[in-house]
Protein backbone atom coordinates (compact mmCIF):
# COMPACT_ATOMS: atom_id res chain seq x y z
CA MET A 1 107.87 196.79 48.45
CA ILE A 2 105.37 195.52 51.00
CA ALA A 3 102.55 193.21 49.92
CA VAL A 4 99.55 192.35 52.07
CA SER A 5 97.06 189.54 51.52
CA ALA A 6 94.07 189.15 53.82
CA HIS A 7 91.33 186.50 54.00
CA VAL A 8 88.13 187.70 55.69
CA LEU A 9 85.55 185.06 56.67
CA LEU A 10 82.08 186.44 57.33
CA ALA A 11 79.17 184.70 59.05
CA SER A 12 76.68 184.91 56.16
CA PRO A 13 76.30 186.15 52.59
CA GLN A 14 74.38 189.11 54.06
CA ASP A 15 77.42 189.99 56.18
CA THR A 16 79.60 189.72 53.08
CA GLU A 17 77.28 192.10 51.25
CA ARG A 18 77.38 194.61 54.12
CA PHE A 19 81.18 194.32 54.41
CA CYS A 20 81.53 195.05 50.68
CA GLU A 21 79.09 197.98 50.84
CA LEU A 22 81.21 199.54 53.59
CA ALA A 23 84.56 198.65 51.99
CA VAL A 24 83.80 200.24 48.63
CA GLY A 25 84.34 203.63 50.26
CA LEU A 26 87.94 202.70 51.09
CA ILE A 27 89.11 201.96 47.58
CA GLU A 28 89.54 205.40 45.99
CA PRO A 29 90.88 207.28 49.05
CA THR A 30 93.37 204.48 49.70
CA ARG A 31 94.52 204.37 46.09
CA GLN A 32 95.24 208.11 46.34
CA GLU A 33 97.52 207.66 49.37
CA PRO A 34 101.27 208.13 48.94
CA GLY A 35 103.05 204.80 48.48
CA CYS A 36 99.97 202.78 47.48
CA THR A 37 100.59 200.83 44.29
CA LEU A 38 97.69 198.35 44.63
CA TYR A 39 94.59 198.22 46.79
CA ALA A 40 91.83 195.78 45.86
CA MET A 41 89.12 193.61 47.38
CA ALA A 42 87.25 190.72 45.84
CA ARG A 43 84.61 188.22 46.84
CA ASP A 44 85.73 184.60 46.66
CA ILE A 45 84.04 182.94 43.68
CA ALA A 46 83.75 179.62 45.54
CA ASP A 47 82.58 180.87 48.96
CA ASP A 48 79.92 183.57 49.46
CA CYS A 49 81.28 184.31 52.93
CA VAL A 50 84.88 185.16 52.00
CA VAL A 51 86.44 188.44 50.90
CA TRP A 52 90.09 188.74 49.82
CA ILE A 53 92.08 191.93 50.29
CA SER A 54 95.26 192.60 48.27
CA GLU A 55 97.58 195.54 48.89
CA GLU A 56 100.99 196.73 47.73
CA TRP A 57 102.89 199.57 49.38
CA ASP A 58 106.23 201.20 48.67
CA SER A 59 107.29 200.77 52.32
CA ASN A 60 106.23 199.78 55.83
CA ALA A 61 105.98 203.49 56.65
CA HIS A 62 103.37 203.94 53.89
CA LEU A 63 101.37 200.95 55.14
CA ASP A 64 101.54 202.23 58.73
CA ALA A 65 100.35 205.68 57.63
CA HIS A 66 97.45 204.05 55.75
CA LEU A 67 96.38 202.13 58.84
CA ARG A 68 96.16 205.45 60.74
CA THR A 69 93.93 207.24 58.20
CA GLU A 70 90.49 208.55 59.04
CA HIS A 71 88.82 206.39 56.37
CA ILE A 72 90.30 203.22 57.92
CA ALA A 73 89.21 204.29 61.42
CA GLN A 74 85.69 205.01 60.13
CA PHE A 75 85.52 201.67 58.29
CA LEU A 76 86.63 199.73 61.36
CA GLY A 77 83.99 201.50 63.45
CA GLU A 78 81.27 200.66 60.92
CA LEU A 79 82.26 196.98 60.99
CA ALA A 80 80.81 196.69 64.51
CA ASN A 81 77.52 195.70 62.88
CA VAL A 82 79.06 193.06 60.59
CA ASN A 83 79.58 189.51 61.84
CA ILE A 84 83.20 188.70 60.99
CA VAL A 85 84.12 185.12 61.93
CA SER A 86 87.85 185.55 61.33
CA MET A 87 90.45 187.53 59.46
CA GLU A 88 93.86 186.19 58.54
CA ASP A 89 96.37 188.61 57.09
CA LYS A 90 99.92 188.19 55.85
CA LYS A 91 102.52 190.86 55.13
CA TYR A 92 105.36 190.16 52.73
CA GLU A 93 108.57 192.09 52.12
CA VAL A 94 109.16 191.73 48.40
CA SER A 95 112.69 191.96 47.02
CA SER A 96 111.86 191.48 43.33
CA VAL A 97 108.87 191.34 41.04
CA GLY A 98 108.53 189.53 37.72
CA HIS A 99 106.00 187.88 35.49
CA VAL A 100 104.73 184.33 35.92
CA GLU A 101 105.80 182.19 33.01
CA MET A 102 103.90 179.07 32.13
CA PRO A 103 106.04 175.98 31.71
CA PRO A 104 106.09 174.44 28.24
CA ALA A 105 103.35 171.93 27.55
CA THR A 106 104.37 168.32 27.90
CA ASN A 107 103.07 165.50 25.75
CA ALA A 108 101.98 162.56 27.85
């Protein structure tokens, strides 16, 4: 499995709003793509100028095919009018998946 996490920093809350308006059109077509197991975006609750992108793909080939789709090309073209300060993305190759277990409470 391939996991992607991206941090998008925008210049203003208005740019964040415009980014999200454009990005909403990516969600359903991407979720319908072969190999997509998760595709989500969220605004940071502590910073009005940050959007987080989370993705999971069955393979690198599926991710590569996604990045070549018409809806991604259209989205990237529409972003020309959005002031993006920076974007940091990370791709992970995941060998296993499990649940997070909370440690037992300790008495201090």
